[in-house]
PDB file of all heavy atoms in Angstrom:
ATOM      1  N   LYS A   1      12.417  -1.427   3.813  1.00  0.00           N
ATOM      2  CA  LYS A   1      11.482  -0.301   3.886  1.00  0.00           C
ATOM      3  C   LYS A   1      11.214   0.118   5.336  1.00  0.00           C
ATOM      4  O   LYS A   1      10.317   0.920   5.596  1.00  0.00           O
ATOM      5  CB  LYS A   1      10.169  -0.657   3.185  1.00  0.00           C
ATOM      6  CG  LYS A   1      10.329  -0.837   1.677  1.00  0.00           C
ATOM      7  CD  LYS A   1       9.004  -1.119   1.014  1.00  0.00           C
ATOM      8  CE  LYS A   1       9.141  -1.240  -0.477  1.00  0.00           C
ATOM      9  NZ  LYS A   1       9.636  -0.052  -1.143  1.00  0.00           N
ATOM     10  N   ASN A   2      11.989  -0.455   6.271  1.00  0.00           N
ATOM     11  CA  ASN A   2      11.856  -0.137   7.701  1.00  0.00           C
ATOM     12  C   ASN A   2      10.450  -0.373   8.248  1.00  0.00           C
ATOM     13  O   ASN A   2       9.955   0.407   9.059  1.00  0.00           O
ATOM     14  CB  ASN A   2      12.290   1.307   7.979  1.00  0.00           C
ATOM     15  CG  ASN A   2      13.749   1.522   7.660  1.00  0.00           C
ATOM     16  OD1 ASN A   2      14.600   0.718   8.064  1.00  0.00           O
ATOM     17  ND2 ASN A   2      14.050   2.562   6.910  1.00  0.00           N
ATOM     18  N   MET A   3       9.813  -1.432   7.803  1.00  0.00           N
ATOM     19  CA  MET A   3       8.478  -1.767   8.284  1.00  0.00           C
ATOM     20  C   MET A   3       8.573  -2.328   9.698  1.00  0.00           C
ATOM     21  O   MET A   3       9.557  -2.968  10.063  1.00  0.00           O
ATOM     22  CB  MET A   3       7.813  -2.798   7.364  1.00  0.00           C
ATOM     23  CG  MET A   3       7.612  -2.315   5.940  1.00  0.00           C
ATOM     24  SD  MET A   3       6.490  -0.910   5.894  1.00  0.00           S
ATOM     25  CE  MET A   3       6.429  -0.585   4.149  1.00  0.00           C
ATOM     26  N   LYS A   4       7.501  -2.116  10.458  1.00  0.00           N
ATOM     27  CA  LYS A   4       7.470  -2.618  11.836  1.00  0.00           C
ATOM     28  C   LYS A   4       6.866  -4.019  11.918  1.00  0.00           C
ATOM     29  O   LYS A   4       7.124  -4.747  12.859  1.00  0.00           O
ATOM     30  CB  LYS A   4       6.695  -1.653  12.722  1.00  0.00           C
ATOM     31  CG  LYS A   4       7.433  -0.335  12.897  1.00  0.00           C
ATOM     32  CD  LYS A   4       6.860   0.474  14.029  1.00  0.00           C
ATOM     33  CE  LYS A   4       7.785   1.638  14.294  1.00  0.00           C
ATOM     34  NZ  LYS A   4       7.180   2.921  14.058  1.00  0.00           N
ATOM     35  N   PHE A   5       6.042  -4.372  10.920  1.00  0.00           N
ATOM     36  CA  PHE A   5       5.495  -5.729  10.922  1.00  0.00           C
ATOM     37  C   PHE A   5       5.060  -6.170   9.528  1.00  0.00           C
ATOM     38  O   PHE A   5       4.806  -5.349   8.655  1.00  0.00           O
ATOM     39  CB  PHE A   5       4.354  -5.892  11.930  1.00  0.00           C
ATOM     40  CG  PHE A   5       3.107  -5.093  11.666  1.00  0.00           C
ATOM     41  CD1 PHE A   5       2.030  -5.658  11.001  1.00  0.00           C
ATOM     42  CD2 PHE A   5       2.992  -3.784  12.108  1.00  0.00           C
ATOM     43  CE1 PHE A   5       0.869  -4.938  10.769  1.00  0.00           C
ATOM     44  CE2 PHE A   5       1.830  -3.046  11.888  1.00  0.00           C
ATOM     45  CZ  PHE A   5       0.777  -3.626  11.217  1.00  0.00           C
ATOM     46  N   LEU A   6       5.027  -7.486   9.374  1.00  0.00           N
ATOM     47  CA  LEU A   6       4.491  -8.165   8.190  1.00  0.00           C
ATOM     48  C   LEU A   6       3.136  -8.729   8.594  1.00  0.00           C
ATOM     49  O   LEU A   6       2.965  -9.173   9.730  1.00  0.00           O
ATOM     50  CB  LEU A   6       5.378  -9.339   7.797  1.00  0.00           C
ATOM     51  CG  LEU A   6       6.629  -9.098   6.999  1.00  0.00           C
ATOM     52  CD1 LEU A   6       7.477 -10.364   6.988  1.00  0.00           C
ATOM     53  CD2 LEU A   6       6.295  -8.710   5.584  1.00  0.00           C
ATOM     54  N   TRP A   7       2.201  -8.766   7.668  1.00  0.00           N
ATOM     55  CA  TRP A   7       0.921  -9.397   7.961  1.00  0.00           C
ATOM     56  C   TRP A   7       0.376 -10.073   6.708  1.00  0.00           C
ATOM     57  O   TRP A   7       0.831  -9.820   5.599  1.00  0.00           O
ATOM     58  CB  TRP A   7      -0.085  -8.390   8.528  1.00  0.00           C
ATOM     59  CG  TRP A   7      -0.628  -7.430   7.528  1.00  0.00           C
ATOM     60  CD1 TRP A   7      -0.073  -6.243   7.145  1.00  0.00           C
ATOM     61  CD2 TRP A   7      -1.837  -7.571   6.778  1.00  0.00           C
ATOM     62  NE1 TRP A   7      -0.852  -5.646   6.193  1.00  0.00           N
ATOM     63  CE2 TRP A   7      -1.946  -6.425   5.958  1.00  0.00           C
ATOM     64  CE3 TRP A   7      -2.835  -8.547   6.713  1.00  0.00           C
ATOM     65  CZ2 TRP A   7      -3.018  -6.226   5.089  1.00  0.00           C
ATOM     66  CZ3 TRP A   7      -3.900  -8.361   5.849  1.00  0.00           C
ATOM     67  CH2 TRP A   7      -3.989  -7.207   5.057  1.00  0.00           C
ATOM     68  N   LEU A   8      -0.601 -10.946   6.912  1.00  0.00           N
ATOM     69  CA  LEU A   8      -1.213 -11.684   5.811  1.00  0.00           C
ATOM     70  C   LEU A   8      -2.521 -12.297   6.273  1.00  0.00           C
ATOM     71  O   LEU A   8      -2.797 -12.357   7.467  1.00  0.00           O
ATOM     72  CB  LEU A   8      -0.260 -12.783   5.317  1.00  0.00           C
ATOM     73  CG  LEU A   8       0.243 -13.763   6.387  1.00  0.00           C
ATOM     74  CD1 LEU A   8      -0.644 -14.986   6.467  1.00  0.00           C
ATOM     75  CD2 LEU A   8       1.665 -14.154   6.107  1.00  0.00           C
ATOM     76  N   GLY A   9      -3.285 -12.752   5.303  1.00  0.00           N
ATOM     77  CA  GLY A   9      -4.483 -13.534   5.576  1.00  0.00           C
ATOM     78  C   GLY A   9      -4.283 -14.923   4.994  1.00  0.00           C
ATOM     79  O   GLY A   9      -3.756 -15.068   3.896  1.00  0.00           O
ATOM     80  N   VAL A  10      -4.666 -15.950   5.742  1.00  0.00           N
ATOM     81  CA  VAL A  10      -4.526 -17.332   5.277  1.00  0.00           C
ATOM     82  C   VAL A  10      -5.821 -18.087   5.598  1.00  0.00           C
ATOM     83  O   VAL A  10      -6.377 -17.947   6.691  1.00  0.00           O
ATOM     84  CB  VAL A  10      -3.274 -18.016   5.899  1.00  0.00           C
ATOM     85  CG1 VAL A  10      -3.342 -18.058   7.413  1.00  0.00           C
ATOM     86  CG2 VAL A  10      -3.062 -19.412   5.337  1.00  0.00           C
ATOM     87  N   TRP A  11      -6.304 -18.845   4.625  1.00  0.00           N
ATOM     88  CA  TRP A  11      -7.560 -19.578   4.797  1.00  0.00           C
ATOM     89  C   TRP A  11      -7.472 -20.498   6.000  1.00  0.00           C
ATOM     90  O   TRP A  11      -6.495 -21.240   6.161  1.00  0.00           O
ATOM     91  CB  TRP A  11      -7.863 -20.365   3.528  1.00  0.00           C
ATOM     92  CG  TRP A  11      -9.230 -20.986   3.456  1.00  0.00           C
ATOM     93  CD1 TRP A  11     -10.371 -20.552   4.067  1.00  0.00           C
ATOM     94  CD2 TRP A  11      -9.594 -22.148   2.729  1.00  0.00           C
ATOM     95  NE1 TRP A  11     -11.428 -21.370   3.750  1.00  0.00           N
ATOM     96  CE2 TRP A  11     -10.976 -22.369   2.929  1.00  0.00           C
ATOM     97  CE3 TRP A  11      -8.895 -23.024   1.908  1.00  0.00           C
ATOM     98  CZ2 TRP A  11     -11.667 -23.423   2.349  1.00  0.00           C
ATOM     99  CZ3 TRP A  11      -9.580 -24.077   1.321  1.00  0.00           C
ATOM    100  CH2 TRP A  11     -10.960 -24.271   1.549  1.00  0.00           C
ATOM    101  N   GLU A  12      -8.492 -20.464   6.847  1.00  0.00           N
ATOM    102  CA  GLU A  12      -8.494 -21.268   8.072  1.00  0.00           C
ATOM    103  C   GLU A  12      -8.442 -22.777   7.779  1.00  0.00           C
ATOM    104  O   GLU A  12      -8.055 -23.551   8.649  1.00  0.00           O
ATOM    105  CB  GLU A  12      -9.714 -20.936   8.932  1.00  0.00           C
ATOM    106  CG  GLU A  12     -11.036 -21.340   8.303  1.00  0.00           C
ATOM    107  CD  GLU A  12     -12.250 -20.982   9.147  1.00  0.00           C
ATOM    108  OE1 GLU A  12     -12.088 -20.548  10.304  1.00  0.00           O
ATOM    109  OE2 GLU A  12     -13.371 -21.149   8.632  1.00  0.00           O
ATOM    110  N   LYS A  13      -8.786 -23.175   6.554  1.00  0.00           N
ATOM    111  CA  LYS A  13      -8.748 -24.593   6.180  1.00  0.00           C
ATOM    112  C   LYS A  13      -7.489 -24.940   5.396  1.00  0.00           C
ATOM    113  O   LYS A  13      -7.467 -25.900   4.628  1.00  0.00           O
ATOM    114  CB  LYS A  13      -9.996 -24.955   5.368  1.00  0.00           C
ATOM    115  CG  LYS A  13     -11.270 -24.854   6.184  1.00  0.00           C
ATOM    116  CD  LYS A  13     -12.481 -25.221   5.364  1.00  0.00           C
ATOM    117  CE  LYS A  13     -13.744 -25.090   6.195  1.00  0.00           C
ATOM    118  NZ  LYS A  13     -14.942 -25.350   5.408  1.00  0.00           N
ATOM    119  N   ASN A  14      -6.419 -24.168   5.600  1.00  0.00           N
ATOM    120  CA  ASN A  14      -5.142 -24.410   4.929  1.00  0.00           C
ATOM    121  C   ASN A  14      -4.061 -24.641   5.990  1.00  0.00           C
ATOM    122  O   ASN A  14      -3.210 -23.791   6.226  1.00  0.00           O
ATOM    123  CB  ASN A  14      -4.793 -23.226   4.021  1.00  0.00           C
ATOM    124  CG  ASN A  14      -3.594 -23.504   3.142  1.00  0.00           C
ATOM    125  OD1 ASN A  14      -2.894 -24.502   3.291  1.00  0.00           O
ATOM    126  ND2 ASN A  14      -3.336 -22.592   2.224  1.00  0.00           N
ATOM    127  N   PRO A  15      -4.097 -25.815   6.638  1.00  0.00           N
ATOM    128  CA  PRO A  15      -3.165 -26.059   7.749  1.00  0.00           C
ATOM    129  C   PRO A  15      -1.696 -26.024   7.322  1.00  0.00           C
ATOM    130  O   PRO A  15      -0.839 -25.618   8.109  1.00  0.00           O
ATOM    131  CB  PRO A  15      -3.563 -27.436   8.284  1.00  0.00           C
ATOM    132  CG  PRO A  15      -4.308 -28.086   7.156  1.00  0.00           C
ATOM    133  CD  PRO A  15      -4.968 -26.972   6.390  1.00  0.00           C
ATOM    134  N   ARG A  16      -1.407 -26.417   6.111  1.00  0.00           N
ATOM    135  CA  ARG A  16      -0.014 -26.401   5.629  1.00  0.00           C
ATOM    136  C   ARG A  16       0.544 -24.970   5.649  1.00  0.00           C
ATOM    137  O   ARG A  16       1.646 -24.726   6.132  1.00  0.00           O
ATOM    138  CB  ARG A  16       0.055 -26.995   4.222  1.00  0.00           C
ATOM    139  CG  ARG A  16       1.428 -27.009   3.618  1.00  0.00           C
ATOM    140  CD  ARG A  16       1.376 -27.510   2.156  1.00  0.00           C
ATOM    141  NE  ARG A  16       2.694 -27.599   1.620  1.00  0.00           N
ATOM    142  CZ  ARG A  16       3.436 -28.684   1.592  1.00  0.00           C
ATOM    143  NH1 ARG A  16       2.965 -29.805   2.097  1.00  0.00           N
ATOM    144  NH2 ARG A  16       4.640 -28.674   1.093  1.00  0.00           N
ATOM    145  N   ALA A  17      -0.229 -24.024   5.120  1.00  0.00           N
ATOM    146  CA  ALA A  17       0.208 -22.623   5.102  1.00  0.00           C
ATOM    147  C   ALA A  17       0.254 -22.047   6.514  1.00  0.00           C
ATOM    148  O   ALA A  17       1.191 -21.316   6.858  1.00  0.00           O
ATOM    149  CB  ALA A  17      -0.710 -21.792   4.213  1.00  0.00           C
ATOM    150  N   ILE A  18      -0.727 -22.373   7.331  1.00  0.00           N
ATOM    151  CA  ILE A  18      -0.730 -21.869   8.714  1.00  0.00           C
ATOM    152  C   ILE A  18       0.532 -22.335   9.440  1.00  0.00           C
ATOM    153  O   ILE A  18       1.208 -21.536  10.106  1.00  0.00           O
ATOM    154  CB  ILE A  18      -2.011 -22.308   9.456  1.00  0.00           C
ATOM    155  CG1 ILE A  18      -3.235 -21.627   8.826  1.00  0.00           C
ATOM    156  CG2 ILE A  18      -1.911 -21.999  10.950  1.00  0.00           C
ATOM    157  CD1 ILE A  18      -4.572 -22.203   9.255  1.00  0.00           C
ATOM    158  N   ARG A  19       0.874 -23.613   9.310  1.00  0.00           N
ATOM    159  CA  ARG A  19       2.104 -24.130   9.941  1.00  0.00           C
ATOM    160  C   ARG A  19       3.341 -23.421   9.404  1.00  0.00           C
ATOM    161  O   ARG A  19       4.268 -23.107  10.156  1.00  0.00           O
ATOM    162  CB  ARG A  19       2.243 -25.643   9.702  1.00  0.00           C
ATOM    163  CG  ARG A  19       1.395 -26.496  10.633  1.00  0.00           C
ATOM    164  CD  ARG A  19       1.758 -27.973  10.570  1.00  0.00           C
ATOM    165  NE  ARG A  19       1.802 -28.529   9.222  1.00  0.00           N
ATOM    166  CZ  ARG A  19       0.750 -29.007   8.569  1.00  0.00           C
ATOM    167  NH1 ARG A  19      -0.437 -29.009   9.135  1.00  0.00           N
ATOM    168  NH2 ARG A  19       0.884 -29.494   7.356  1.00  0.00           N
ATOM    169  N   PHE A  20       3.386 -23.166   8.088  1.00  0.00           N
ATOM    170  CA  PHE A  20       4.514 -22.472   7.477  1.00  0.00           C
ATOM    171  C   PHE A  20       4.714 -21.104   8.127  1.00  0.00           C
ATOM    172  O   PHE A  20       5.824 -20.738   8.517  1.00  0.00           O
ATOM    173  CB  PHE A  20       4.265 -22.322   5.968  1.00  0.00           C
ATOM    174  CG  PHE A  20       5.289 -21.479   5.245  1.00  0.00           C
ATOM    175  CD1 PHE A  20       6.491 -22.033   4.834  1.00  0.00           C
ATOM    176  CD2 PHE A  20       5.049 -20.137   4.985  1.00  0.00           C
ATOM    177  CE1 PHE A  20       7.439 -21.255   4.162  1.00  0.00           C
ATOM    178  CE2 PHE A  20       5.988 -19.355   4.321  1.00  0.00           C
ATOM    179  CZ  PHE A  20       7.187 -19.918   3.908  1.00  0.00           C
ATOM    180  N   TYR A  21       3.633 -20.349   8.257  1.00  0.00           N
ATOM    181  CA  TYR A  21       3.752 -19.009   8.827  1.00  0.00           C
ATOM    182  C   TYR A  21       4.053 -19.062  10.323  1.00  0.00           C
ATOM    183  O   TYR A  21       4.851 -18.266  10.825  1.00  0.00           O
ATOM    184  CB  TYR A  21       2.513 -18.172   8.518  1.00  0.00           C
ATOM    185  CG  TYR A  21       2.422 -17.852   7.043  1.00  0.00           C
ATOM    186  CD1 TYR A  21       1.384 -18.326   6.255  1.00  0.00           C
ATOM    187  CD2 TYR A  21       3.419 -17.096   6.427  1.00  0.00           C
ATOM    188  CE1 TYR A  21       1.333 -18.053   4.896  1.00  0.00           C
ATOM    189  CE2 TYR A  21       3.375 -16.826   5.066  1.00  0.00           C
ATOM    190  CZ  TYR A  21       2.330 -17.302   4.318  1.00  0.00           C
ATOM    191  OH  TYR A  21       2.287 -17.036   2.975  1.00  0.00           O
ATOM    192  N   GLU A  22       3.445 -19.987  11.036  1.00  0.00           N
ATOM    193  CA  GLU A  22       3.758 -20.125  12.464  1.00  0.00           C
ATOM    194  C   GLU A  22       5.232 -20.481  12.664  1.00  0.00           C
ATOM    195  O   GLU A  22       5.892 -19.941  13.561  1.00  0.00           O
ATOM    196  CB  GLU A  22       2.860 -21.181  13.115  1.00  0.00           C
ATOM    197  CG  GLU A  22       1.435 -20.720  13.297  1.00  0.00           C
ATOM    198  CD  GLU A  22       0.503 -21.788  13.819  1.00  0.00           C
ATOM    199  OE1 GLU A  22       0.819 -22.998  13.729  1.00  0.00           O
ATOM    200  OE2 GLU A  22      -0.574 -21.419  14.315  1.00  0.00           O
ATOM    201  N   LYS A  23       5.742 -21.366  11.832  1.00  0.00           N
ATOM    202  CA  LYS A  23       7.156 -21.744  11.905  1.00  0.00           C
ATOM    203  C   LYS A  23       8.061 -20.527  11.694  1.00  0.00           C
ATOM    204  O   LYS A  23       9.160 -20.454  12.239  1.00  0.00           O
ATOM    205  CB  LYS A  23       7.448 -22.826  10.853  1.00  0.00           C
ATOM    206  CG  LYS A  23       8.877 -23.348  10.847  1.00  0.00           C
ATOM    207  CD  LYS A  23       9.087 -24.348   9.723  1.00  0.00           C
ATOM    208  CE  LYS A  23       9.292 -23.559   8.458  1.00  0.00           C
ATOM    209  NZ  LYS A  23       9.655 -24.290   7.284  1.00  0.00           N
ATOM    210  N   ASN A  24       7.578 -19.563  10.924  1.00  0.00           N
ATOM    211  CA  ASN A  24       8.342 -18.347  10.656  1.00  0.00           C
ATOM    212  C   ASN A  24       8.032 -17.213  11.642  1.00  0.00           C
ATOM    213  O   ASN A  24       8.434 -16.075  11.413  1.00  0.00           O
ATOM    214  CB  ASN A  24       8.108 -17.887   9.215  1.00  0.00           C
ATOM    215  CG  ASN A  24       8.927 -18.708   8.231  1.00  0.00           C
ATOM    216  OD1 ASN A  24      10.143 -18.589   8.191  1.00  0.00           O
ATOM    217  ND2 ASN A  24       8.266 -19.561   7.461  1.00  0.00           N
ATOM    218  N   GLY A  25       7.331 -17.544  12.722  1.00  0.00           N
ATOM    219  CA  GLY A  25       7.130 -16.590  13.804  1.00  0.00           C
ATOM    220  C   GLY A  25       5.842 -15.783  13.759  1.00  0.00           C
ATOM    221  O   GLY A  25       5.609 -14.932  14.624  1.00  0.00           O
ATOM    222  N   PHE A  26       4.974 -16.042  12.797  1.00  0.00           N
ATOM    223  CA  PHE A  26       3.712 -15.315  12.713  1.00  0.00           C
ATOM    224  C   PHE A  26       2.743 -15.812  13.783  1.00  0.00           C
ATOM    225  O   PHE A  26       2.753 -16.999  14.141  1.00  0.00           O
ATOM    226  CB  PHE A  26       3.061 -15.513  11.338  1.00  0.00           C
ATOM    227  CG  PHE A  26       3.677 -14.702  10.242  1.00  0.00           C
ATOM    228  CD1 PHE A  26       4.880 -15.079   9.666  1.00  0.00           C
ATOM    229  CD2 PHE A  26       3.054 -13.550   9.778  1.00  0.00           C
ATOM    230  CE1 PHE A  26       5.459 -14.334   8.645  1.00  0.00           C
ATOM    231  CE2 PHE A  26       3.618 -12.792   8.759  1.00  0.00           C
ATOM    232  CZ  PHE A  26       4.829 -13.183   8.202  1.00  0.00           C
ATOM    233  N   VAL A  27       1.901 -14.901  14.273  1.00  0.00           N
ATOM    234  CA  VAL A  27       0.850 -15.251  15.217  1.00  0.00           C
ATOM    235  C   VAL A  27      -0.481 -14.726  14.684  1.00  0.00           C
ATOM    236  O   VAL A  27      -0.539 -13.682  14.032  1.00  0.00           O
ATOM    237  CB  VAL A  27       1.119 -14.681  16.635  1.00  0.00           C
ATOM    238  CG1 VAL A  27       2.346 -15.332  17.253  1.00  0.00           C
ATOM    239  CG2 VAL A  27       1.255 -13.175  16.615  1.00  0.00           C
ATOM    240  N   THR A  28      -1.544 -15.446  14.987  1.00  0.00           N
ATOM    241  CA  THR A  28      -2.886 -15.036  14.588  1.00  0.00           C
ATOM    242  C   THR A  28      -3.337 -13.885  15.479  1.00  0.00           C
ATOM    243  O   THR A  28      -3.172 -13.945  16.692  1.00  0.00           O
ATOM    244  CB  THR A  28      -3.862 -16.217  14.703  1.00  0.00           C
ATOM    245  OG1 THR A  28      -3.391 -17.282  13.862  1.00  0.00           O
ATOM    246  CG2 THR A  28      -5.270 -15.832  14.289  1.00  0.00           C
ATOM    247  N   PHE A  29      -3.892 -12.838  14.853  1.00  0.00           N
ATOM    248  CA  PHE A  29      -4.367 -11.708  15.648  1.00  0.00           C
ATOM    249  C   PHE A  29      -5.814 -11.334  15.348  1.00  0.00           C
ATOM    250  O   PHE A  29      -6.416 -10.542  16.072  1.00  0.00           O
ATOM    251  CB  PHE A  29      -3.450 -10.484  15.467  1.00  0.00           C
ATOM    252  CG  PHE A  29      -3.512  -9.835  14.115  1.00  0.00           C
ATOM    253  CD1 PHE A  29      -4.347  -8.745  13.880  1.00  0.00           C
ATOM    254  CD2 PHE A  29      -2.745 -10.309  13.058  1.00  0.00           C
ATOM    255  CE1 PHE A  29      -4.406  -8.145  12.636  1.00  0.00           C
ATOM    256  CE2 PHE A  29      -2.786  -9.711  11.813  1.00  0.00           C
ATOM    257  CZ  PHE A  29      -3.624  -8.622  11.598  1.00  0.00           C
ATOM    258  N   ASP A  30      -6.398 -11.897  14.294  1.00  0.00           N
ATOM    259  CA  ASP A  30      -7.776 -11.548  13.953  1.00  0.00           C
ATOM    260  C   ASP A  30      -8.249 -12.506  12.858  1.00  0.00           C
ATOM    261  O   ASP A  30      -7.518 -13.407  12.442  1.00  0.00           O
ATOM    262  CB  ASP A  30      -7.847 -10.102  13.452  1.00  0.00           C
ATOM    263  CG  ASP A  30      -9.232  -9.475  13.629  1.00  0.00           C
ATOM    264  OD1 ASP A  30     -10.197 -10.198  13.963  1.00  0.00           O
ATOM    265  OD2 ASP A  30      -9.344  -8.257  13.420  1.00  0.00           O
ATOM    266  N   LYS A  31      -9.463 -12.282  12.375  1.00  0.00           N
ATOM    267  CA  LYS A  31     -10.029 -13.034  11.253  1.00  0.00           C
ATOM    268  C   LYS A  31     -10.692 -12.033  10.317  1.00  0.00           C
ATOM    269  O   LYS A  31     -11.053 -10.933  10.722  1.00  0.00           O
ATOM    270  CB  LYS A  31     -11.091 -14.025  11.731  1.00  0.00           C
ATOM    271  CG  LYS A  31     -10.567 -15.135  12.594  1.00  0.00           C
ATOM    272  CD  LYS A  31     -11.684 -16.066  13.013  1.00  0.00           C
ATOM    273  CE  LYS A  31     -11.116 -17.193  13.865  1.00  0.00           C
ATOM    274  NZ  LYS A  31     -12.146 -18.160  14.238  1.00  0.00           N
ATOM    275  N   HIS A  32     -10.824 -12.424   9.045  1.00  0.00           N
ATOM    276  CA  HIS A  32     -11.608 -11.631   8.107  1.00  0.00           C
ATOM    277  C   HIS A  32     -12.255 -12.572   7.108  1.00  0.00           C
ATOM    278  O   HIS A  32     -11.899 -13.733   7.009  1.00  0.00           O
ATOM    279  CB  HIS A  32     -10.774 -10.535   7.436  1.00  0.00           C
ATOM    280  CG  HIS A  32      -9.740 -11.036   6.464  1.00  0.00           C
ATOM    281  ND1 HIS A  32      -8.987 -10.191   5.697  1.00  0.00           N
ATOM    282  CD2 HIS A  32      -9.338 -12.286   6.114  1.00  0.00           C
ATOM    283  CE1 HIS A  32      -8.166 -10.890   4.939  1.00  0.00           C
ATOM    284  NE2 HIS A  32      -8.358 -12.140   5.176  1.00  0.00           N
ATOM    285  N   THR A  33     -13.233 -12.048   6.383  1.00  0.00           N
ATOM    286  CA  THR A  33     -13.911 -12.879   5.391  1.00  0.00           C
ATOM    287  C   THR A  33     -13.233 -12.714   4.037  1.00  0.00           C
ATOM    288  O   THR A  33     -12.650 -11.679   3.723  1.00  0.00           O
ATOM    289  CB  THR A  33     -15.399 -12.514   5.276  1.00  0.00           C
ATOM    290  OG1 THR A  33     -15.509 -11.129   4.989  1.00  0.00           O
ATOM    291  CG2 THR A  33     -16.143 -12.845   6.561  1.00  0.00           C
ATOM    292  N   PHE A  34     -13.312 -13.774   3.276  1.00  0.00           N
ATOM    293  CA  PHE A  34     -12.726 -13.837   1.944  1.00  0.00           C
ATOM    294  C   PHE A  34     -13.782 -14.446   1.039  1.00  0.00           C
ATOM    295  O   PHE A  34     -14.293 -15.527   1.319  1.00  0.00           O
ATOM    296  CB  PHE A  34     -11.467 -14.722   1.979  1.00  0.00           C
ATOM    297  CG  PHE A  34     -10.814 -14.913   0.644  1.00  0.00           C
ATOM    298  CD1 PHE A  34      -9.933 -13.959   0.138  1.00  0.00           C
ATOM    299  CD2 PHE A  34     -11.058 -16.052  -0.127  1.00  0.00           C
ATOM    300  CE1 PHE A  34      -9.310 -14.135  -1.094  1.00  0.00           C
ATOM    301  CE2 PHE A  34     -10.447 -16.238  -1.358  1.00  0.00           C
ATOM    302  CZ  PHE A  34      -9.570 -15.269  -1.841  1.00  0.00           C
ATOM    303  N   LEU A  35     -14.136 -13.753  -0.030  1.00  0.00           N
ATOM    304  CA  LEU A  35     -15.168 -14.233  -0.933  1.00  0.00           C
ATOM    305  C   LEU A  35     -14.531 -14.996  -2.089  1.00  0.00           C
ATOM    306  O   LEU A  35     -13.788 -14.433  -2.886  1.00  0.00           O
ATOM    307  CB  LEU A  35     -15.995 -13.059  -1.465  1.00  0.00           C
ATOM    308  CG  LEU A  35     -17.227 -13.432  -2.280  1.00  0.00           C
ATOM    309  CD1 LEU A  35     -18.211 -14.243  -1.421  1.00  0.00           C
ATOM    310  CD2 LEU A  35     -17.905 -12.169  -2.804  1.00  0.00           C
ATOM    311  N   LEU A  36     -14.814 -16.293  -2.139  1.00  0.00           N
ATOM    312  CA  LEU A  36     -14.352 -17.148  -3.232  1.00  0.00           C
ATOM    313  C   LEU A  36     -15.574 -17.468  -4.085  1.00  0.00           C
ATOM    314  O   LEU A  36     -16.382 -18.327  -3.714  1.00  0.00           O
ATOM    315  CB  LEU A  36     -13.703 -18.428  -2.702  1.00  0.00           C
ATOM    316  CG  LEU A  36     -13.148 -19.335  -3.799  1.00  0.00           C
ATOM    317  CD1 LEU A  36     -11.791 -18.820  -4.260  1.00  0.00           C
ATOM    318  CD2 LEU A  36     -13.034 -20.760  -3.342  1.00  0.00           C
ATOM    319  N   GLY A  37     -15.722 -16.748  -5.188  1.00  0.00           N
ATOM    320  CA  GLY A  37     -16.942 -16.896  -5.985  1.00  0.00           C
ATOM    321  C   GLY A  37     -18.112 -16.403  -5.165  1.00  0.00           C
ATOM    322  O   GLY A  37     -18.178 -15.235  -4.796  1.00  0.00           O
ATOM    323  N   SER A  38     -19.019 -17.329  -4.811  1.00  0.00           N
ATOM    324  CA  SER A  38     -20.161 -16.970  -3.957  1.00  0.00           C
ATOM    325  C   SER A  38     -20.008 -17.521  -2.543  1.00  0.00           C
ATOM    326  O   SER A  38     -20.898 -17.369  -1.717  1.00  0.00           O
ATOM    327  CB  SER A  38     -21.458 -17.499  -4.581  1.00  0.00           C
ATOM    328  OG  SER A  38     -21.412 -18.915  -4.635  1.00  0.00           O
ATOM    329  N   ASP A  39     -18.875 -18.153  -2.261  1.00  0.00           N
ATOM    330  CA  ASP A  39     -18.631 -18.795  -0.966  1.00  0.00           C
ATOM    331  C   ASP A  39     -17.869 -17.852  -0.033  1.00  0.00           C
ATOM    332  O   ASP A  39     -16.719 -17.496  -0.293  1.00  0.00           O
ATOM    333  CB  ASP A  39     -17.831 -20.086  -1.176  1.00  0.00           C
ATOM    334  CG  ASP A  39     -17.651 -20.891   0.095  1.00  0.00           C
ATOM    335  OD1 ASP A  39     -18.403 -20.663   1.072  1.00  0.00           O
ATOM    336  OD2 ASP A  39     -16.753 -21.753   0.114  1.00  0.00           O
ATOM    337  N   MET A  40     -18.528 -17.455   1.061  1.00  0.00           N
ATOM    338  CA  MET A  40     -17.899 -16.601   2.057  1.00  0.00           C
ATOM    339  C   MET A  40     -17.050 -17.490   2.979  1.00  0.00           C
ATOM    340  O   MET A  40     -17.581 -18.363   3.658  1.00  0.00           O
ATOM    341  CB  MET A  40     -18.966 -15.861   2.866  1.00  0.00           C
ATOM    342  CG  MET A  40     -18.414 -14.750   3.719  1.00  0.00           C
ATOM    343  SD  MET A  40     -17.727 -13.383   2.773  1.00  0.00           S
ATOM    344  CE  MET A  40     -19.197 -12.630   2.121  1.00  0.00           C
ATOM    345  N   GLN A  41     -15.743 -17.275   2.961  1.00  0.00           N
ATOM    346  CA  GLN A  41     -14.815 -18.084   3.750  1.00  0.00           C
ATOM    347  C   GLN A  41     -14.147 -17.218   4.808  1.00  0.00           C
ATOM    348  O   GLN A  41     -14.192 -15.997   4.743  1.00  0.00           O
ATOM    349  CB  GLN A  41     -13.765 -18.722   2.836  1.00  0.00           C
ATOM    350  CG  GLN A  41     -14.372 -19.617   1.786  1.00  0.00           C
ATOM    351  CD  GLN A  41     -13.352 -20.306   0.901  1.00  0.00           C
ATOM    352  OE1 GLN A  41     -12.173 -19.978   0.894  1.00  0.00           O
ATOM    353  NE2 GLN A  41     -13.817 -21.274   0.144  1.00  0.00           N
TER     354      GLN A  41
END
């Protein structure tokens, strides 16, 4: 689709996923909140 970048959000307490994405060249550029039930993460 000729995209210029891929992006995603990953829970800060999910080191396995963070390592997976870092290994694939992703870098952290910001943070956002994610509502899990009543828990703001």
